[in-house]
N, C-alpha and C. Protein backbone atom coordinates (compact mmCIF):
# COMPACT_ATOMS: atom_id res chain seq x y z
N MET A 1 -35.00 26.83 -22.34
CA MET A 1 -33.87 27.51 -21.73
C MET A 1 -33.04 26.55 -20.90
N SER A 2 -33.67 25.77 -20.05
CA SER A 2 -32.96 24.85 -19.18
C SER A 2 -32.28 23.74 -19.97
N ALA A 3 -32.93 23.24 -21.02
CA ALA A 3 -32.34 22.19 -21.85
C ALA A 3 -31.11 22.70 -22.59
N GLY A 4 -31.13 23.95 -22.98
CA GLY A 4 -29.98 24.55 -23.66
C GLY A 4 -28.78 24.67 -22.73
N ILE A 5 -29.05 25.01 -21.48
CA ILE A 5 -27.96 25.12 -20.51
C ILE A 5 -27.35 23.76 -20.22
N VAL A 6 -28.18 22.75 -20.08
CA VAL A 6 -27.69 21.39 -19.84
C VAL A 6 -26.88 20.90 -21.03
N ALA A 7 -27.37 21.15 -22.24
CA ALA A 7 -26.65 20.72 -23.44
C ALA A 7 -25.29 21.41 -23.54
N GLY A 8 -25.24 22.68 -23.23
CA GLY A 8 -23.97 23.41 -23.24
C GLY A 8 -23.01 22.90 -22.18
N ALA A 9 -23.53 22.63 -21.00
CA ALA A 9 -22.68 22.13 -19.92
C ALA A 9 -22.14 20.74 -20.24
N VAL A 10 -22.95 19.90 -20.86
CA VAL A 10 -22.51 18.56 -21.25
C VAL A 10 -21.41 18.66 -22.31
N LEU A 11 -21.58 19.56 -23.26
CA LEU A 11 -20.56 19.74 -24.30
C LEU A 11 -19.24 20.22 -23.70
N VAL A 12 -19.29 21.18 -22.81
CA VAL A 12 -18.08 21.67 -22.15
C VAL A 12 -17.43 20.57 -21.33
N ALA A 13 -18.23 19.78 -20.63
CA ALA A 13 -17.70 18.67 -19.83
C ALA A 13 -17.00 17.64 -20.71
N GLN A 14 -17.59 17.34 -21.86
CA GLN A 14 -16.96 16.38 -22.77
C GLN A 14 -15.62 16.90 -23.29
N ILE A 15 -15.57 18.16 -23.65
CA ILE A 15 -14.32 18.73 -24.15
C ILE A 15 -13.24 18.71 -23.06
N LEU A 16 -13.60 19.11 -21.86
CA LEU A 16 -12.62 19.13 -20.77
C LEU A 16 -12.17 17.73 -20.37
N LEU A 17 -13.06 16.75 -20.44
CA LEU A 17 -12.66 15.38 -20.14
C LEU A 17 -11.71 14.82 -21.19
N VAL A 18 -11.93 15.18 -22.44
CA VAL A 18 -11.02 14.73 -23.50
C VAL A 18 -9.64 15.38 -23.31
N ILE A 19 -9.61 16.64 -22.92
CA ILE A 19 -8.33 17.30 -22.65
C ILE A 19 -7.63 16.64 -21.47
N ALA A 20 -8.38 16.30 -20.43
CA ALA A 20 -7.80 15.63 -19.27
C ALA A 20 -7.25 14.25 -19.64
N MET A 21 -7.96 13.54 -20.51
CA MET A 21 -7.46 12.24 -20.96
C MET A 21 -6.20 12.40 -21.80
N GLY A 22 -6.11 13.46 -22.57
CA GLY A 22 -4.90 13.73 -23.34
C GLY A 22 -3.71 14.01 -22.44
N CYS A 23 -3.93 14.77 -21.37
CA CYS A 23 -2.85 15.04 -20.41
C CYS A 23 -2.41 13.76 -19.70
N ALA A 24 -3.36 12.91 -19.36
CA ALA A 24 -3.02 11.64 -18.71
C ALA A 24 -2.30 10.71 -19.68
N ALA A 25 -2.69 10.74 -20.95
CA ALA A 25 -2.00 9.91 -21.96
C ALA A 25 -0.56 10.39 -22.14
N TYR A 26 -0.36 11.69 -22.10
CA TYR A 26 1.00 12.22 -22.18
C TYR A 26 1.84 11.72 -21.00
N ARG A 27 1.26 11.75 -19.80
CA ARG A 27 1.99 11.28 -18.62
C ARG A 27 2.22 9.77 -18.70
N LEU A 28 1.28 9.05 -19.28
CA LEU A 28 1.43 7.61 -19.44
C LEU A 28 2.60 7.29 -20.36
N LEU A 29 2.76 8.06 -21.42
CA LEU A 29 3.84 7.80 -22.37
C LEU A 29 5.18 8.36 -21.92
N ARG A 30 5.18 9.49 -21.23
CA ARG A 30 6.42 10.17 -20.88
C ARG A 30 6.77 10.10 -19.40
N GLY A 31 6.03 9.33 -18.63
CA GLY A 31 6.28 9.28 -17.19
C GLY A 31 7.69 8.81 -16.88
N PRO A 32 8.38 9.50 -16.00
CA PRO A 32 9.76 9.08 -15.72
C PRO A 32 9.84 7.76 -14.96
N ARG A 33 8.83 7.43 -14.18
CA ARG A 33 8.86 6.19 -13.40
C ARG A 33 7.61 5.38 -13.66
N ALA A 34 7.66 4.13 -13.24
CA ALA A 34 6.52 3.24 -13.43
C ALA A 34 5.33 3.68 -12.58
N GLN A 35 5.60 4.24 -11.41
CA GLN A 35 4.51 4.71 -10.55
C GLN A 35 3.72 5.84 -11.22
N ASP A 36 4.42 6.72 -11.94
CA ASP A 36 3.73 7.78 -12.66
C ASP A 36 2.84 7.22 -13.76
N ARG A 37 3.31 6.17 -14.41
CA ARG A 37 2.52 5.56 -15.48
C ARG A 37 1.27 4.86 -14.92
N VAL A 38 1.40 4.22 -13.77
CA VAL A 38 0.25 3.57 -13.15
C VAL A 38 -0.78 4.62 -12.71
N LEU A 39 -0.31 5.71 -12.16
CA LEU A 39 -1.21 6.79 -11.75
C LEU A 39 -1.90 7.40 -12.96
N ALA A 40 -1.19 7.56 -14.07
CA ALA A 40 -1.79 8.09 -15.29
C ALA A 40 -2.83 7.13 -15.85
N LEU A 41 -2.55 5.83 -15.78
CA LEU A 41 -3.53 4.84 -16.22
C LEU A 41 -4.78 4.87 -15.35
N ASP A 42 -4.58 5.05 -14.06
CA ASP A 42 -5.71 5.17 -13.13
C ASP A 42 -6.55 6.40 -13.46
N THR A 43 -5.88 7.50 -13.75
CA THR A 43 -6.58 8.72 -14.11
C THR A 43 -7.34 8.55 -15.43
N MET A 44 -6.75 7.83 -16.37
CA MET A 44 -7.42 7.64 -17.66
C MET A 44 -8.69 6.81 -17.53
N TYR A 45 -8.66 5.77 -16.70
CA TYR A 45 -9.90 4.98 -16.60
C TYR A 45 -10.98 5.73 -15.85
N VAL A 46 -10.60 6.55 -14.90
CA VAL A 46 -11.61 7.37 -14.20
C VAL A 46 -12.21 8.39 -15.18
N ASN A 47 -11.35 9.03 -15.97
CA ASN A 47 -11.85 9.99 -16.96
C ASN A 47 -12.72 9.30 -18.00
N ALA A 48 -12.36 8.10 -18.42
CA ALA A 48 -13.17 7.37 -19.39
C ALA A 48 -14.54 7.03 -18.82
N ALA A 49 -14.58 6.63 -17.55
CA ALA A 49 -15.86 6.32 -16.92
C ALA A 49 -16.73 7.56 -16.81
N ILE A 50 -16.13 8.68 -16.44
CA ILE A 50 -16.90 9.92 -16.33
C ILE A 50 -17.38 10.37 -17.71
N LEU A 51 -16.53 10.19 -18.73
CA LEU A 51 -16.95 10.55 -20.09
C LEU A 51 -18.13 9.70 -20.54
N LEU A 52 -18.12 8.43 -20.19
CA LEU A 52 -19.27 7.59 -20.51
C LEU A 52 -20.53 8.04 -19.77
N LEU A 53 -20.37 8.46 -18.53
CA LEU A 53 -21.52 8.98 -17.80
C LEU A 53 -22.08 10.23 -18.46
N VAL A 54 -21.19 11.09 -18.94
CA VAL A 54 -21.65 12.31 -19.62
C VAL A 54 -22.35 11.95 -20.92
N PHE A 55 -21.82 10.95 -21.65
CA PHE A 55 -22.52 10.48 -22.86
C PHE A 55 -23.90 9.94 -22.50
N GLY A 56 -23.99 9.24 -21.38
CA GLY A 56 -25.28 8.71 -20.94
C GLY A 56 -26.26 9.81 -20.60
N ILE A 57 -25.78 10.88 -19.99
CA ILE A 57 -26.65 12.01 -19.69
C ILE A 57 -27.13 12.66 -20.98
N ARG A 58 -26.21 12.77 -21.94
CA ARG A 58 -26.56 13.43 -23.21
C ARG A 58 -27.57 12.62 -24.01
N SER A 59 -27.39 11.30 -24.04
CA SER A 59 -28.27 10.48 -24.87
C SER A 59 -29.50 9.98 -24.12
N GLY A 60 -29.44 9.94 -22.81
CA GLY A 60 -30.56 9.44 -22.03
C GLY A 60 -30.62 7.93 -21.96
N SER A 61 -29.55 7.25 -22.35
CA SER A 61 -29.51 5.79 -22.34
C SER A 61 -28.83 5.28 -21.07
N THR A 62 -29.34 4.17 -20.55
CA THR A 62 -28.76 3.61 -19.33
C THR A 62 -27.58 2.67 -19.61
N HIS A 63 -27.37 2.32 -20.86
CA HIS A 63 -26.28 1.41 -21.20
C HIS A 63 -24.92 2.04 -20.91
N TYR A 64 -24.81 3.33 -21.07
CA TYR A 64 -23.56 4.01 -20.78
C TYR A 64 -23.22 3.93 -19.29
N PHE A 65 -24.21 3.98 -18.44
CA PHE A 65 -23.98 3.92 -17.00
C PHE A 65 -23.46 2.54 -16.59
N GLU A 66 -24.00 1.51 -17.21
CA GLU A 66 -23.53 0.16 -16.92
C GLU A 66 -22.10 -0.05 -17.41
N ALA A 67 -21.79 0.49 -18.58
CA ALA A 67 -20.43 0.38 -19.12
C ALA A 67 -19.44 1.15 -18.23
N ALA A 68 -19.85 2.30 -17.72
CA ALA A 68 -18.97 3.08 -16.83
C ALA A 68 -18.71 2.32 -15.53
N LEU A 69 -19.71 1.65 -15.01
CA LEU A 69 -19.53 0.85 -13.81
C LEU A 69 -18.56 -0.30 -14.06
N LEU A 70 -18.68 -0.94 -15.19
CA LEU A 70 -17.79 -2.04 -15.53
C LEU A 70 -16.35 -1.55 -15.70
N ILE A 71 -16.15 -0.43 -16.36
CA ILE A 71 -14.81 0.14 -16.53
C ILE A 71 -14.21 0.49 -15.17
N THR A 72 -15.00 1.04 -14.30
CA THR A 72 -14.51 1.43 -12.98
C THR A 72 -14.09 0.21 -12.17
N LEU A 73 -14.90 -0.84 -12.19
CA LEU A 73 -14.55 -2.04 -11.44
C LEU A 73 -13.28 -2.70 -11.97
N LEU A 74 -13.19 -2.83 -13.29
CA LEU A 74 -11.99 -3.44 -13.87
C LEU A 74 -10.76 -2.57 -13.69
N GLY A 75 -10.93 -1.26 -13.76
CA GLY A 75 -9.81 -0.35 -13.55
C GLY A 75 -9.27 -0.41 -12.14
N PHE A 76 -10.16 -0.53 -11.17
CA PHE A 76 -9.71 -0.64 -9.78
C PHE A 76 -8.89 -1.92 -9.56
N VAL A 77 -9.37 -3.02 -10.10
CA VAL A 77 -8.65 -4.28 -9.96
C VAL A 77 -7.28 -4.19 -10.65
N ALA A 78 -7.24 -3.59 -11.83
CA ALA A 78 -5.98 -3.45 -12.55
C ALA A 78 -5.00 -2.56 -11.79
N THR A 79 -5.49 -1.48 -11.22
CA THR A 79 -4.61 -0.59 -10.45
C THR A 79 -4.07 -1.30 -9.21
N ALA A 80 -4.91 -2.05 -8.53
CA ALA A 80 -4.44 -2.79 -7.35
C ALA A 80 -3.41 -3.84 -7.74
N ALA A 81 -3.62 -4.52 -8.86
CA ALA A 81 -2.66 -5.54 -9.30
C ALA A 81 -1.34 -4.90 -9.70
N LEU A 82 -1.39 -3.79 -10.41
CA LEU A 82 -0.15 -3.11 -10.80
C LEU A 82 0.60 -2.57 -9.59
N ALA A 83 -0.12 -2.05 -8.61
CA ALA A 83 0.54 -1.55 -7.40
C ALA A 83 1.20 -2.69 -6.65
N LYS A 84 0.54 -3.82 -6.56
CA LYS A 84 1.14 -4.97 -5.89
C LYS A 84 2.35 -5.47 -6.65
N PHE A 85 2.28 -5.46 -7.97
CA PHE A 85 3.42 -5.89 -8.79
C PHE A 85 4.61 -4.96 -8.60
N LEU A 86 4.36 -3.65 -8.53
CA LEU A 86 5.45 -2.71 -8.35
C LEU A 86 6.07 -2.82 -6.96
N MET A 87 5.28 -3.18 -5.97
CA MET A 87 5.82 -3.30 -4.61
C MET A 87 6.59 -4.59 -4.39
N ARG A 88 6.07 -5.70 -4.91
CA ARG A 88 6.65 -7.01 -4.58
C ARG A 88 7.26 -7.74 -5.78
N GLY A 89 6.96 -7.32 -6.97
CA GLY A 89 7.52 -7.97 -8.14
C GLY A 89 6.69 -9.14 -8.64
N GLU A 90 5.60 -9.47 -7.95
CA GLU A 90 4.71 -10.53 -8.40
C GLU A 90 3.28 -10.18 -7.97
N VAL A 91 2.33 -10.68 -8.72
CA VAL A 91 0.94 -10.38 -8.41
C VAL A 91 0.32 -11.49 -7.58
N ILE A 92 0.58 -12.72 -7.95
CA ILE A 92 0.03 -13.88 -7.25
C ILE A 92 1.13 -14.48 -6.38
N GLU A 93 0.82 -14.63 -5.12
CA GLU A 93 1.83 -15.18 -4.18
C GLU A 93 1.77 -16.68 -4.15
């Protein structure tokens, strides 16, 4: 009984995360300003990391957790670099 509930919850979480990534992709493509596109990209990498965590829960493998950590770290650096570029016009001073 408990395994069935967890499997159902994981499936629902995966579907909702894919829908959220689709909405963020729409904002990434149709964003009126560059700031909206950066925020959509930030949302997409967070959703991708959470989706990998859900895959890790479903499969029981720890490799997904390491990949999610790597995506999160690289996404944070990319978001900070893009924000600095939008504010000052250059990344490296």
